Amino acid sequence: MTMLERRRTAGPPRETINLRVSAEQKALIDRAASRLGKTRTEFMLESARQAAENALLDERLFLLDEARYAAFLACLDRPVEPSEALRKVLATPSPWER
């Protein structure tokens, strides 16, 4: 199987990301990748994915002082006033029940 044939059958198409780095940065990345037994691409993709996940997870974490935290918990504990839309959803049979 040729390289082109492998590329065509290797799953979804891949995108290219170009980066410009200093020689020192490239050498550091290459040393780290080598120590982990990974290629530069594998190392960079895994590192970038982890950083992206952490950045998105940081959006879900928020810190509150005691008074605001108590107010937040009170909101969570307050019973929901059922709306007409909620009643309709709860009264509609699930697809597997139809």
N, C-alpha and C. Protein backbone atom coordinates (compact mmCIF):
# COMPACT_ATOMS: atom_id res chain seq x y z
N MET A 1 0.86 -1.17 0.00
CA MET A 1 0.00 0.00 0.00
C MET A 1 0.91 1.24 0.00
N THR A 2 0.62 2.16 -0.89
CA THR A 2 1.44 3.37 -0.97
C THR A 2 1.04 4.36 0.12
N MET A 3 1.88 5.35 0.33
CA MET A 3 1.62 6.38 1.34
C MET A 3 0.31 7.10 1.02
N LEU A 4 0.07 7.39 -0.25
CA LEU A 4 -1.16 8.08 -0.66
C LEU A 4 -2.39 7.23 -0.38
N GLU A 5 -2.29 5.92 -0.65
CA GLU A 5 -3.42 5.02 -0.36
C GLU A 5 -3.69 4.95 1.13
N ARG A 6 -2.63 4.90 1.95
CA ARG A 6 -2.81 4.88 3.40
C ARG A 6 -3.47 6.16 3.88
N ARG A 7 -3.05 7.28 3.32
CA ARG A 7 -3.62 8.56 3.72
C ARG A 7 -5.11 8.61 3.41
N ARG A 8 -5.50 8.04 2.29
CA ARG A 8 -6.91 8.06 1.88
C ARG A 8 -7.78 7.16 2.75
N THR A 9 -7.21 6.11 3.32
CA THR A 9 -7.99 5.15 4.10
C THR A 9 -7.78 5.29 5.60
N ALA A 10 -7.07 6.30 6.02
CA ALA A 10 -6.69 6.42 7.43
C ALA A 10 -7.71 7.17 8.27
N GLY A 11 -8.94 7.29 7.84
CA GLY A 11 -9.95 7.96 8.65
C GLY A 11 -10.27 9.34 8.12
N PRO A 12 -10.82 10.17 9.00
CA PRO A 12 -11.25 11.50 8.55
C PRO A 12 -10.05 12.34 8.11
N PRO A 13 -10.31 13.29 7.22
CA PRO A 13 -9.21 14.14 6.76
C PRO A 13 -8.59 14.92 7.92
N ARG A 14 -7.33 15.19 7.82
CA ARG A 14 -6.62 15.90 8.87
C ARG A 14 -6.33 17.31 8.40
N GLU A 15 -6.25 18.21 9.35
CA GLU A 15 -5.93 19.61 9.08
C GLU A 15 -4.46 19.85 9.37
N THR A 16 -3.92 20.88 8.79
CA THR A 16 -2.53 21.26 9.03
C THR A 16 -2.50 22.49 9.91
N ILE A 17 -1.61 22.49 10.89
CA ILE A 17 -1.36 23.64 11.74
C ILE A 17 0.12 23.97 11.61
N ASN A 18 0.42 25.19 11.20
CA ASN A 18 1.81 25.61 11.06
C ASN A 18 2.20 26.50 12.23
N LEU A 19 3.37 26.25 12.77
CA LEU A 19 3.88 27.03 13.89
C LEU A 19 5.29 27.50 13.58
N ARG A 20 5.60 28.69 14.03
CA ARG A 20 6.98 29.18 13.95
C ARG A 20 7.52 29.22 15.36
N VAL A 21 8.64 28.55 15.57
CA VAL A 21 9.25 28.49 16.90
C VAL A 21 10.74 28.79 16.77
N SER A 22 11.33 29.16 17.88
CA SER A 22 12.78 29.37 17.89
C SER A 22 13.47 28.00 17.89
N ALA A 23 14.73 28.02 17.58
CA ALA A 23 15.51 26.77 17.60
C ALA A 23 15.53 26.17 19.00
N GLU A 24 15.58 27.04 20.01
CA GLU A 24 15.60 26.55 21.39
C GLU A 24 14.27 25.89 21.75
N GLN A 25 13.17 26.49 21.33
CA GLN A 25 11.86 25.90 21.62
C GLN A 25 11.70 24.54 20.93
N LYS A 26 12.13 24.48 19.68
CA LYS A 26 12.05 23.22 18.93
C LYS A 26 12.89 22.14 19.60
N ALA A 27 14.08 22.51 20.01
CA ALA A 27 14.97 21.53 20.67
C ALA A 27 14.36 21.04 21.98
N LEU A 28 13.78 21.95 22.74
CA LEU A 28 13.13 21.56 24.00
C LEU A 28 11.97 20.60 23.75
N ILE A 29 11.14 20.93 22.77
CA ILE A 29 10.00 20.07 22.43
C ILE A 29 10.49 18.71 21.96
N ASP A 30 11.50 18.71 21.12
CA ASP A 30 12.04 17.44 20.61
C ASP A 30 12.62 16.58 21.74
N ARG A 31 13.33 17.20 22.69
CA ARG A 31 13.88 16.44 23.82
C ARG A 31 12.76 15.83 24.66
N ALA A 32 11.75 16.63 24.95
CA ALA A 32 10.64 16.12 25.76
C ALA A 32 9.90 15.00 25.04
N ALA A 33 9.64 15.18 23.75
CA ALA A 33 8.95 14.14 22.98
C ALA A 33 9.76 12.86 22.96
N SER A 34 11.06 12.99 22.75
CA SER A 34 11.94 11.82 22.71
C SER A 34 11.93 11.07 24.03
N ARG A 35 11.98 11.80 25.13
CA ARG A 35 11.98 11.16 26.45
C ARG A 35 10.70 10.39 26.70
N LEU A 36 9.59 10.85 26.09
CA LEU A 36 8.31 10.17 26.27
C LEU A 36 8.05 9.13 25.19
N GLY A 37 9.01 8.98 24.26
CA GLY A 37 8.85 8.00 23.19
C GLY A 37 7.80 8.41 22.17
N LYS A 38 7.66 9.71 21.97
CA LYS A 38 6.66 10.22 21.03
C LYS A 38 7.33 11.02 19.94
N THR A 39 6.61 11.18 18.85
CA THR A 39 7.09 12.08 17.81
C THR A 39 6.80 13.51 18.24
N ARG A 40 7.43 14.46 17.59
CA ARG A 40 7.16 15.87 17.88
C ARG A 40 5.67 16.17 17.70
N THR A 41 5.10 15.67 16.63
CA THR A 41 3.67 15.91 16.36
C THR A 41 2.80 15.32 17.46
N GLU A 42 3.06 14.08 17.83
CA GLU A 42 2.27 13.45 18.90
C GLU A 42 2.37 14.25 20.20
N PHE A 43 3.60 14.64 20.54
CA PHE A 43 3.82 15.40 21.77
C PHE A 43 3.09 16.74 21.73
N MET A 44 3.22 17.44 20.63
CA MET A 44 2.60 18.77 20.53
C MET A 44 1.08 18.68 20.51
N LEU A 45 0.54 17.71 19.80
CA LEU A 45 -0.92 17.57 19.76
C LEU A 45 -1.48 17.21 21.13
N GLU A 46 -0.82 16.28 21.82
CA GLU A 46 -1.30 15.89 23.15
C GLU A 46 -1.20 17.07 24.12
N SER A 47 -0.09 17.79 24.08
CA SER A 47 0.10 18.94 24.96
C SER A 47 -0.92 20.03 24.67
N ALA A 48 -1.15 20.31 23.40
CA ALA A 48 -2.12 21.35 23.02
C ALA A 48 -3.54 20.93 23.40
N ARG A 49 -3.86 19.65 23.21
CA ARG A 49 -5.19 19.17 23.57
C ARG A 49 -5.42 19.30 25.07
N GLN A 50 -4.42 18.91 25.86
CA GLN A 50 -4.54 19.03 27.32
C GLN A 50 -4.71 20.49 27.74
N ALA A 51 -3.94 21.38 27.14
CA ALA A 51 -4.05 22.81 27.47
C ALA A 51 -5.42 23.35 27.08
N ALA A 52 -5.94 22.91 25.94
CA ALA A 52 -7.27 23.36 25.50
C ALA A 52 -8.36 22.86 26.44
N GLU A 53 -8.27 21.59 26.84
CA GLU A 53 -9.26 21.05 27.78
C GLU A 53 -9.20 21.80 29.11
N ASN A 54 -8.00 22.07 29.60
CA ASN A 54 -7.86 22.79 30.86
C ASN A 54 -8.42 24.21 30.76
N ALA A 55 -8.19 24.86 29.64
CA ALA A 55 -8.72 26.22 29.45
C ALA A 55 -10.24 26.20 29.48
N LEU A 56 -10.83 25.20 28.84
CA LEU A 56 -12.30 25.10 28.83
C LEU A 56 -12.84 24.70 30.19
N LEU A 57 -12.14 23.82 30.89
CA LEU A 57 -12.57 23.42 32.23
C LEU A 57 -12.48 24.59 33.20
N ASP A 58 -11.51 25.47 33.01
CA ASP A 58 -11.38 26.64 33.88
C ASP A 58 -12.62 27.53 33.80
N GLU A 59 -13.32 27.50 32.67
CA GLU A 59 -14.53 28.30 32.54
C GLU A 59 -15.66 27.76 33.41
N ARG A 60 -15.56 26.53 33.82
CA ARG A 60 -16.60 25.91 34.64
C ARG A 60 -16.34 26.06 36.14
N LEU A 61 -15.16 26.49 36.49
CA LEU A 61 -14.80 26.65 37.88
C LEU A 61 -14.93 28.12 38.26
N PHE A 62 -15.69 28.39 39.29
CA PHE A 62 -15.79 29.77 39.76
C PHE A 62 -15.73 29.75 41.27
N LEU A 63 -15.14 30.79 41.81
CA LEU A 63 -14.93 30.87 43.25
C LEU A 63 -15.84 31.94 43.82
N LEU A 64 -16.47 31.62 44.94
CA LEU A 64 -17.39 32.54 45.59
C LEU A 64 -17.02 32.72 47.04
N ASP A 65 -17.29 33.90 47.57
CA ASP A 65 -17.11 34.07 49.01
C ASP A 65 -18.26 33.34 49.71
N GLU A 66 -18.22 33.27 51.02
CA GLU A 66 -19.20 32.47 51.77
C GLU A 66 -20.64 32.94 51.53
N ALA A 67 -20.87 34.23 51.50
CA ALA A 67 -22.24 34.74 51.32
C ALA A 67 -22.78 34.40 49.94
N ARG A 68 -21.96 34.59 48.92
CA ARG A 68 -22.42 34.27 47.56
C ARG A 68 -22.59 32.77 47.37
N TYR A 69 -21.72 31.98 48.01
CA TYR A 69 -21.84 30.53 47.92
C TYR A 69 -23.14 30.07 48.58
N ALA A 70 -23.49 30.65 49.71
CA ALA A 70 -24.74 30.31 50.39
C ALA A 70 -25.93 30.67 49.51
N ALA A 71 -25.87 31.83 48.86
CA ALA A 71 -26.96 32.23 47.95
C ALA A 71 -27.04 31.28 46.76
N PHE A 72 -25.90 30.85 46.25
CA PHE A 72 -25.86 29.91 45.13
C PHE A 72 -26.50 28.58 45.53
N LEU A 73 -26.13 28.07 46.71
CA LEU A 73 -26.71 26.81 47.19
C LEU A 73 -28.22 26.95 47.40
N ALA A 74 -28.65 28.10 47.89
CA ALA A 74 -30.09 28.32 48.10
C ALA A 74 -30.82 28.26 46.76
N CYS A 75 -30.23 28.81 45.72
CA CYS A 75 -30.84 28.73 44.38
C CYS A 75 -30.93 27.29 43.90
N LEU A 76 -29.89 26.53 44.14
CA LEU A 76 -29.90 25.12 43.71
C LEU A 76 -30.92 24.31 44.49
N ASP A 77 -31.10 24.63 45.75
CA ASP A 77 -32.01 23.87 46.60
C ASP A 77 -33.47 24.28 46.43
N ARG A 78 -33.71 25.45 45.87
CA ARG A 78 -35.06 25.94 45.69
C ARG A 78 -35.80 25.06 44.68
N PRO A 79 -37.02 24.64 45.01
CA PRO A 79 -37.77 23.82 44.05
C PRO A 79 -38.06 24.59 42.76
N VAL A 80 -38.07 23.88 41.69
CA VAL A 80 -38.35 24.49 40.39
C VAL A 80 -39.85 24.66 40.25
N GLU A 81 -40.25 25.83 39.80
CA GLU A 81 -41.67 26.06 39.50
C GLU A 81 -41.92 25.48 38.12
N PRO A 82 -42.73 24.45 38.03
CA PRO A 82 -42.93 23.82 36.71
C PRO A 82 -43.65 24.77 35.75
N SER A 83 -43.08 24.91 34.58
CA SER A 83 -43.69 25.72 33.53
C SER A 83 -44.51 24.80 32.63
N GLU A 84 -45.23 25.41 31.72
CA GLU A 84 -46.03 24.62 30.78
C GLU A 84 -45.10 23.76 29.91
N ALA A 85 -43.95 24.32 29.52
CA ALA A 85 -43.01 23.57 28.69
C ALA A 85 -42.47 22.36 29.44
N LEU A 86 -42.15 22.53 30.73
CA LEU A 86 -41.66 21.41 31.53
C LEU A 86 -42.73 20.34 31.68
N ARG A 87 -43.96 20.76 31.94
CA ARG A 87 -45.05 19.79 32.06
C ARG A 87 -45.22 18.99 30.77
N LYS A 88 -45.10 19.66 29.63
CA LYS A 88 -45.26 18.99 28.34
C LYS A 88 -44.14 17.95 28.13
N VAL A 89 -42.91 18.34 28.45
CA VAL A 89 -41.78 17.42 28.29
C VAL A 89 -41.96 16.19 29.18
N LEU A 90 -42.34 16.43 30.42
CA LEU A 90 -42.50 15.31 31.36
C LEU A 90 -43.68 14.41 31.00
N ALA A 91 -44.68 14.96 30.31
CA ALA A 91 -45.85 14.16 29.95
C ALA A 91 -45.64 13.42 28.63
N THR A 92 -44.65 13.78 27.86
CA THR A 92 -44.40 13.15 26.57
C THR A 92 -43.63 11.85 26.77
N PRO A 93 -44.13 10.74 26.21
CA PRO A 93 -43.41 9.47 26.35
C PRO A 93 -42.03 9.53 25.68
N SER A 94 -41.09 8.86 26.27
CA SER A 94 -39.75 8.77 25.68
C SER A 94 -39.83 7.98 24.37
N PRO A 95 -38.89 8.20 23.45
CA PRO A 95 -38.94 7.48 22.17
C PRO A 95 -38.98 5.97 22.35
N TRP A 96 -38.28 5.43 23.35
CA TRP A 96 -38.27 3.98 23.54
C TRP A 96 -39.55 3.46 24.19
N GLU A 97 -40.41 4.39 24.67
CA GLU A 97 -41.68 3.98 25.25
C GLU A 97 -42.83 4.02 24.24
N ARG A 98 -42.56 4.57 23.09
CA ARG A 98 -43.60 4.71 22.06
C ARG A 98 -43.83 3.43 21.32
